[in-house]
C-alpha atoms as a PDB file:
ATOM      1  CA  UNK A   1      13.927  80.816 -19.450  1.00  0.00           C
ATOM      2  CA  UNK A   2      11.259  78.198 -20.422  1.00  0.00           C
ATOM      3  CA  UNK A   3       7.740  76.830 -21.506  1.00  0.00           C
ATOM      4  CA  UNK A   4       4.591  78.613 -20.210  1.00  0.00           C
ATOM      5  CA  UNK A   5       2.598  76.260 -19.843  1.00  0.00           C
ATOM      6  CA  UNK A   6       1.607  74.842 -16.394  1.00  0.00           C
ATOM      7  CA  UNK A   7       2.082  71.479 -14.689  1.00  0.00           C
ATOM      8  CA  UNK A   8      -0.428  69.948 -12.595  1.00  0.00           C
ATOM      9  CA  UNK A   9       0.204  70.630  -9.039  1.00  0.00           C
ATOM     10  CA  UNK A  10      -0.395  66.857  -8.333  1.00  0.00           C
ATOM     11  CA  UNK A  11      -0.869  67.521  -4.076  1.00  0.00           C
ATOM     12  CA  UNK A  12      -3.974  67.807  -2.173  1.00  0.00           C
ATOM     13  CA  UNK A  13      -3.809  71.710  -1.859  1.00  0.00           C
ATOM     14  CA  UNK A  14      -3.258  71.890  -5.585  1.00  0.00           C
ATOM     15  CA  UNK A  15      -5.411  74.836  -6.254  1.00  0.00           C
ATOM     16  CA  UNK A  16      -3.446  76.718  -3.949  1.00  0.00           C
ATOM     17  CA  UNK A  17      -0.074  75.947  -5.296  1.00  0.00           C
ATOM     18  CA  UNK A  18      -1.659  76.334  -8.479  1.00  0.00           C
ATOM     19  CA  UNK A  19      -1.899  80.003  -8.142  1.00  0.00           C
ATOM     20  CA  UNK A  20       1.922  80.008  -6.659  1.00  0.00           C
ATOM     21  CA  UNK A  21       4.257  82.423  -9.295  1.00  0.00           C
ATOM     22  CA  UNK A  22       6.007  80.029 -11.343  1.00  0.00           C
ATOM     23  CA  UNK A  23       8.778  79.786 -13.269  1.00  0.00           C
ATOM     24  CA  UNK A  24      10.231  77.591 -16.579  1.00  0.00           C
ATOM     25  CA  UNK A  25      11.380  74.006 -15.566  1.00  0.00           C
ATOM     26  CA  UNK A  26      14.658  74.421 -16.184  1.00  0.00           C
ATOM     27  CA  UNK A  27      15.525  75.720 -13.013  1.00  0.00           C
ATOM     28  CA  UNK A  28      14.688  72.580 -12.518  1.00  0.00           C
ATOM     29  CA  UNK A  29      15.856  70.192 -14.705  1.00  0.00           C
ATOM     30  CA  UNK A  30      19.267  71.498 -15.471  1.00  0.00           C
ATOM     31  CA  UNK A  31      20.011  71.677 -11.250  1.00  0.00           C
ATOM     32  CA  UNK A  32      19.506  67.966 -11.452  1.00  0.00           C
ATOM     33  CA  UNK A  33      21.833  67.107 -14.804  1.00  0.00           C
ATOM     34  CA  UNK A  34      24.362  69.607 -12.649  1.00  0.00           C
ATOM     35  CA  UNK A  35      23.906  67.039  -9.453  1.00  0.00           C
ATOM     36  CA  UNK A  36      24.632  64.065 -11.131  1.00  0.00           C
ATOM     37  CA  UNK A  37      26.904  65.105 -13.286  1.00  0.00           C
ATOM     38  CA  UNK A  38      29.412  66.916 -11.114  1.00  0.00           C
ATOM     39  CA  UNK A  39      28.645  64.474  -7.981  1.00  0.00           C
ATOM     40  CA  UNK A  40      26.475  61.505  -8.520  1.00  0.00           C
ATOM     41  CA  UNK A  41      23.068  59.952  -7.870  1.00  0.00           C
ATOM     42  CA  UNK A  42      23.130  59.649  -4.415  1.00  0.00           C
ATOM     43  CA  UNK A  43      23.851  63.401  -3.671  1.00  0.00           C
ATOM     44  CA  UNK A  44      21.219  64.680  -6.244  1.00  0.00           C
ATOM     45  CA  UNK A  45      18.181  62.018  -4.457  1.00  0.00           C
ATOM     46  CA  UNK A  46      19.339  63.314  -1.350  1.00  0.00           C
ATOM     47  CA  UNK A  47      19.367  66.974  -2.652  1.00  0.00           C
ATOM     48  CA  UNK A  48      15.804  66.475  -3.852  1.00  0.00           C
ATOM     49  CA  UNK A  49      14.551  64.935  -1.132  1.00  0.00           C
ATOM     50  CA  UNK A  50      15.247  67.654   0.930  1.00  0.00           C
ATOM     51  CA  UNK A  51      13.508  70.089  -1.288  1.00  0.00           C
ATOM     52  CA  UNK A  52      10.475  68.178  -1.117  1.00  0.00           C
ATOM     53  CA  UNK A  53      10.303  67.345  -5.169  1.00  0.00           C
ATOM     54  CA  UNK A  54      12.207  63.883  -5.459  1.00  0.00           C
ATOM     55  CA  UNK A  55       9.106  62.943  -7.987  1.00  0.00           C
ATOM     56  CA  UNK A  56      10.709  65.445 -10.272  1.00  0.00           C
ATOM     57  CA  UNK A  57      14.204  63.717 -10.110  1.00  0.00           C
ATOM     58  CA  UNK A  58      12.432  60.895 -11.605  1.00  0.00           C
ATOM     59  CA  UNK A  59       9.773  62.640 -13.789  1.00  0.00           C
ATOM     60  CA  UNK A  60      11.316  66.363 -15.235  1.00  0.00           C
ATOM     61  CA  UNK A  61       8.834  68.718 -15.120  1.00  0.00           C
ATOM     62  CA  UNK A  62       7.889  69.353 -18.149  1.00  0.00           C
ATOM     63  CA  UNK A  63       6.008  72.470 -17.652  1.00  0.00           C
ATOM     64  CA  UNK A  64       6.211  75.630 -15.265  1.00  0.00           C
ATOM     65  CA  UNK A  65       7.200  75.205 -11.852  1.00  0.00           C
ATOM     66  CA  UNK A  66       6.404  77.265  -8.632  1.00  0.00           C
ATOM     67  CA  UNK A  67       8.601  79.132  -7.291  1.00  0.00           C
ATOM     68  CA  UNK A  68       8.580  78.326  -3.814  1.00  0.00           C
ATOM     69  CA  UNK A  69       9.837  74.815  -4.791  1.00  0.00           C
ATOM     70  CA  UNK A  70      13.223  75.902  -6.766  1.00  0.00           C
ATOM     71  CA  UNK A  71      13.843  78.620  -4.044  1.00  0.00           C
ATOM     72  CA  UNK A  72      13.758  74.979  -1.692  1.00  0.00           C
ATOM     73  CA  UNK A  73      15.882  73.283  -4.177  1.00  0.00           C
ATOM     74  CA  UNK A  74      18.630  76.051  -3.596  1.00  0.00           C
ATOM     75  CA  UNK A  75      17.964  76.115  -0.017  1.00  0.00           C
ATOM     76  CA  UNK A  76      18.476  72.233  -0.177  1.00  0.00           C
ATOM     77  CA  UNK A  77      21.673  72.758  -1.794  1.00  0.00           C
ATOM     78  CA  UNK A  78      23.641  74.940   0.501  1.00  0.00           C
ATOM     79  CA  UNK A  79      22.467  72.604   3.301  1.00  0.00           C
ATOM     80  CA  UNK A  80      23.967  69.600   1.196  1.00  0.00           C
ATOM     81  CA  UNK A  81      26.603  70.878  -0.223  1.00  0.00           C
ATOM     82  CA  UNK A  82      27.578  74.024   1.453  1.00  0.00           C
ATOM     83  CA  UNK A  83      27.588  77.919  -0.189  1.00  0.00           C
ATOM     84  CA  UNK A  84      30.089  77.779  -2.707  1.00  0.00           C
ATOM     85  CA  UNK A  85      29.404  74.276  -3.974  1.00  0.00           C
ATOM     86  CA  UNK A  86      25.717  74.860  -4.615  1.00  0.00           C
ATOM     87  CA  UNK A  87      26.495  78.098  -5.971  1.00  0.00           C
ATOM     88  CA  UNK A  88      28.626  76.283  -8.480  1.00  0.00           C
ATOM     89  CA  UNK A  89      25.810  73.212  -9.233  1.00  0.00           C
ATOM     90  CA  UNK A  90      23.783  76.462  -9.782  1.00  0.00           C
ATOM     91  CA  UNK A  91      26.320  78.065 -12.327  1.00  0.00           C
ATOM     92  CA  UNK A  92      26.093  74.565 -13.913  1.00  0.00           C
ATOM     93  CA  UNK A  93      22.728  74.272 -14.230  1.00  0.00           C
ATOM     94  CA  UNK A  94      22.434  78.099 -15.778  1.00  0.00           C
ATOM     95  CA  UNK A  95      24.883  77.103 -18.516  1.00  0.00           C
ATOM     96  CA  UNK A  96      22.945  73.542 -18.994  1.00  0.00           C
ATOM     97  CA  UNK A  97      20.051  75.958 -19.220  1.00  0.00           C
ATOM     98  CA  UNK A  98      21.447  78.567 -22.162  1.00  0.00           C
ATOM     99  CA  UNK A  99      22.422  75.193 -23.931  1.00  0.00           C
ATOM    100  CA  UNK A 100      18.351  74.223 -24.018  1.00  0.00           C
ATOM    101  CA  UNK A 101      17.256  77.954 -25.409  1.00  0.00           C
ATOM    102  CA  UNK A 102      19.879  77.764 -27.709  1.00  0.00           C
ATOM    103  CA  UNK A 103      19.331  74.580 -28.778  1.00  0.00           C
ATOM    104  CA  UNK A 104      15.304  74.185 -28.680  1.00  0.00           C
ATOM    105  CA  UNK A 105      13.695  77.812 -27.878  1.00  0.00           C
ATOM    106  CA  UNK A 106      15.977  80.709 -30.023  1.00  0.00           C
ATOM    107  CA  UNK A 107      14.872  80.063 -34.142  1.00  0.00           C
ATOM    108  CA  UNK A 108      18.190  79.639 -36.034  1.00  0.00           C
ATOM    109  CA  UNK A 109      17.116  82.770 -38.031  1.00  0.00           C
ATOM    110  CA  UNK A 110      17.286  84.716 -34.460  1.00  0.00           C
ATOM    111  CA  UNK A 111      20.518  82.808 -33.814  1.00  0.00           C
ATOM    112  CA  UNK A 112      22.112  83.841 -36.973  1.00  0.00           C
ATOM    113  CA  UNK A 113      21.094  87.255 -36.836  1.00  0.00           C
ATOM    114  CA  UNK A 114      22.307  88.036 -33.602  1.00  0.00           C
ATOM    115  CA  UNK A 115      26.013  86.399 -34.374  1.00  0.00           C
ATOM    116  CA  UNK A 116      25.919  88.449 -37.421  1.00  0.00           C
ATOM    117  CA  UNK A 117      25.892  91.987 -35.978  1.00  0.00           C
ATOM    118  CA  UNK A 118      28.169  93.807 -33.805  1.00  0.00           C
ATOM    119  CA  UNK A 119      28.261  92.926 -30.222  1.00  0.00           C
ATOM    120  CA  UNK A 120      26.288  96.263 -29.327  1.00  0.00           C
ATOM    121  CA  UNK A 121      23.143  95.835 -31.683  1.00  0.00           C
ATOM    122  CA  UNK A 122      23.406  91.846 -30.832  1.00  0.00           C
ATOM    123  CA  UNK A 123      22.976  92.553 -26.944  1.00  0.00           C
ATOM    124  CA  UNK A 124      20.293  94.939 -27.587  1.00  0.00           C
ATOM    125  CA  UNK A 125      18.127  92.771 -29.689  1.00  0.00           C
ATOM    126  CA  UNK A 126      18.710  89.768 -27.063  1.00  0.00           C
ATOM    127  CA  UNK A 127      17.782  91.582 -24.215  1.00  0.00           C
ATOM    128  CA  UNK A 128      14.965  93.043 -25.938  1.00  0.00           C
ATOM    129  CA  UNK A 129      14.218  89.336 -26.628  1.00  0.00           C
ATOM    130  CA  UNK A 130      14.617  88.098 -23.274  1.00  0.00           C
ATOM    131  CA  UNK A 131      12.821  90.926 -21.505  1.00  0.00           C
ATOM    132  CA  UNK A 132      10.034  89.738 -23.372  1.00  0.00           C
ATOM    133  CA  UNK A 133       9.910  86.310 -21.929  1.00  0.00           C
ATOM    134  CA  UNK A 134      11.645  87.613 -18.541  1.00  0.00           C
ATOM    135  CA  UNK A 135       8.694  86.298 -16.697  1.00  0.00           C
ATOM    136  CA  UNK A 136       9.341  82.763 -17.269  1.00  0.00           C
ATOM    137  CA  UNK A 137      12.286  82.815 -14.830  1.00  0.00           C
ATOM    138  CA  UNK A 138      11.581  85.660 -13.088  1.00  0.00           C
ATOM    139  CA  UNK A 139       8.011  84.655 -11.481  1.00  0.00           C
ATOM    140  CA  UNK A 140       6.720  87.342  -9.149  1.00  0.00           C
ATOM    141  CA  UNK A 141      10.194  88.730  -9.663  1.00  0.00           C
ATOM    142  CA  UNK A 142      11.336  91.956 -11.928  1.00  0.00           C
ATOM    143  CA  UNK A 143      13.804  92.010 -14.532  1.00  0.00           C
ATOM    144  CA  UNK A 144      15.642  94.965 -15.846  1.00  0.00           C
ATOM    145  CA  UNK A 145      18.335  95.652 -18.125  1.00  0.00           C
ATOM    146  CA  UNK A 146      20.512  98.369 -19.677  1.00  0.00           C
ATOM    147  CA  UNK A 147      21.295  98.773 -23.538  1.00  0.00           C
ATOM    148  CA  UNK A 148      24.939  98.702 -22.375  1.00  0.00           C
ATOM    149  CA  UNK A 149      27.828  97.818 -23.023  1.00  0.00           C
ATOM    150  CA  UNK A 150      28.165  96.751 -20.327  1.00  0.00           C
ATOM    151  CA  UNK A 151      24.614  95.279 -20.225  1.00  0.00           C
ATOM    152  CA  UNK A 152      23.596  95.507 -16.597  1.00  0.00           C
ATOM    153  CA  UNK A 153      20.950  93.142 -15.376  1.00  0.00           C
ATOM    154  CA  UNK A 154      18.646  93.605 -12.177  1.00  0.00           C
ATOM    155  CA  UNK A 155      16.660  90.984 -10.885  1.00  0.00           C
ATOM    156  CA  UNK A 156      14.820  91.354  -8.085  1.00  0.00           C
ATOM    157  CA  UNK A 157      12.137  89.353  -5.867  1.00  0.00           C
ATOM    158  CA  UNK A 158      10.774  86.082  -7.176  1.00  0.00           C
ATOM    159  CA  UNK A 159      13.140  82.888  -6.875  1.00  0.00           C
ATOM    160  CA  UNK A 160      15.798  85.207  -5.582  1.00  0.00           C
ATOM    161  CA  UNK A 161      13.368  86.351  -2.099  1.00  0.00           C
ATOM    162  CA  UNK A 162      11.866  82.840  -1.831  1.00  0.00           C
ATOM    163  CA  UNK A 163      14.836  81.406  -1.764  1.00  0.00           C
ATOM    164  CA  UNK A 164      16.144  83.876   1.239  1.00  0.00           C
ATOM    165  CA  UNK A 165      19.838  82.740   2.845  1.00  0.00           C
ATOM    166  CA  UNK A 166      20.272  80.700  -0.483  1.00  0.00           C
ATOM    167  CA  UNK A 167      19.692  83.755  -3.126  1.00  0.00           C
ATOM    168  CA  UNK A 168      23.384  84.145  -3.651  1.00  0.00           C
ATOM    169  CA  UNK A 169      22.928  80.206  -5.381  1.00  0.00           C
ATOM    170  CA  UNK A 170      19.564  81.748  -7.748  1.00  0.00           C
ATOM    171  CA  UNK A 171      21.706  84.488  -8.720  1.00  0.00           C
ATOM    172  CA  UNK A 172      24.975  82.556  -9.362  1.00  0.00           C
ATOM    173  CA  UNK A 173      22.407  80.421 -12.346  1.00  0.00           C
ATOM    174  CA  UNK A 174      21.218  83.417 -13.500  1.00  0.00           C
ATOM    175  CA  UNK A 175      24.071  85.229 -13.855  1.00  0.00           C
ATOM    176  CA  UNK A 176      25.832  81.769 -15.628  1.00  0.00           C
ATOM    177  CA  UNK A 177      22.736  81.286 -18.199  1.00  0.00           C
ATOM    178  CA  UNK A 178      23.082  85.356 -19.441  1.00  0.00           C
ATOM    179  CA  UNK A 179      26.881  84.706 -19.584  1.00  0.00           C
ATOM    180  CA  UNK A 180      27.002  81.741 -21.880  1.00  0.00           C
ATOM    181  CA  UNK A 181      24.263  82.836 -23.922  1.00  0.00           C
ATOM    182  CA  UNK A 182      26.521  85.652 -24.591  1.00  0.00           C
ATOM    183  CA  UNK A 183      29.241  83.911 -25.042  1.00  0.00           C
ATOM    184  CA  UNK A 184      27.141  82.184 -27.798  1.00  0.00           C
ATOM    185  CA  UNK A 185      25.335  84.945 -29.638  1.00  0.00           C
ATOM    186  CA  UNK A 186      26.891  88.295 -28.620  1.00  0.00           C
ATOM    187  CA  UNK A 187      30.811  87.583 -28.129  1.00  0.00           C
ATOM    188  CA  UNK A 188      32.650  84.809 -27.751  1.00  0.00           C
ATOM    189  CA  UNK A 189      34.574  86.270 -25.197  1.00  0.00           C
ATOM    190  CA  UNK A 190      32.096  88.230 -22.839  1.00  0.00           C
ATOM    191  CA  UNK A 191      32.512  88.035 -18.948  1.00  0.00           C
ATOM    192  CA  UNK A 192      29.931  88.417 -15.699  1.00  0.00           C
ATOM    193  CA  UNK A 193      30.695  90.648 -12.622  1.00  0.00           C
ATOM    194  CA  UNK A 194      28.582  91.082 -10.115  1.00  0.00           C
ATOM    195  CA  UNK A 195      27.610  94.420  -9.449  1.00  0.00           C
ATOM    196  CA  UNK A 196      25.553  93.381  -5.978  1.00  0.00           C
ATOM    197  CA  UNK A 197      25.753  90.746  -3.945  1.00  0.00           C
ATOM    198  CA  UNK A 198      22.221  88.541  -3.528  1.00  0.00           C
ATOM    199  CA  UNK A 199      21.332  87.770  -0.040  1.00  0.00           C
ATOM    200  CA  UNK A 200      18.474  87.487   2.084  1.00  0.00           C
ATOM    201  CA  UNK A 201      18.202  91.166   2.720  1.00  0.00           C
ATOM    202  CA  UNK A 202      18.499  92.391  -0.766  1.00  0.00           C
ATOM    203  CA  UNK A 203      16.603  89.379  -2.542  1.00  0.00           C
ATOM    204  CA  UNK A 204      18.039  90.844  -5.783  1.00  0.00           C
ATOM    205  CA  UNK A 205      21.400  90.665  -7.760  1.00  0.00           C
ATOM    206  CA  UNK A 206      23.136  92.850 -10.046  1.00  0.00           C
ATOM    207  CA  UNK A 207      25.818  91.605 -12.794  1.00  0.00           C
ATOM    208  CA  UNK A 208      27.335  93.553 -15.608  1.00  0.00           C
ATOM    209  CA  UNK A 209      27.960  91.410 -19.167  1.00  0.00           C
ATOM    210  CA  UNK A 210      30.813  92.843 -20.799  1.00  0.00           C
ATOM    211  CA  UNK A 211      33.129  92.135 -23.631  1.00  0.00           C
ATOM    212  CA  UNK A 212      36.329  93.646 -25.484  1.00  0.00           C
ATOM    213  CA  UNK A 213      35.737  96.506 -27.700  1.00  0.00           C
END
């Protein structure tokens, strides 16, 4: 869910960081937007400072970012806001990511075809497109999806594992992104339901996307 270029590490251990698994910059930039919108600049700066990525608040990354930095941001969210509010910020960031993808990454003809198709084949086509680009949001993790309905999405490892006890926030980000994409392209009444809650022990999440017949 982001660009494929790799941002310069810009640190003394840059070579080591360059080899780390990476994900798209939306995982950073949309959380910054959500924090500023739903809390304030002071909270946003405190969270990014705690995660050790203050520079990206002032100069948002324009290329792939280390998944460990995304994980650190989710841990900082939980520490600053508590798990419930951290998940709410992550979900807001997911919806913002979907809006960005719809505006900048999914071509107009593809959007048109998806909207014209009946929901089930539209969902299958959309998931195939997402599956080809899954590396941009799961990093070192694994992505699986059923044809549905309902469409069952399973994401394991990657930022979910790196986030540790904050894995639920990463899962909330994923689920909200998918729900928003499906509502825009497959069926406006799509809902997302957790099938397996992400925890430090599981390092995975499973959610179902469904819509009225």
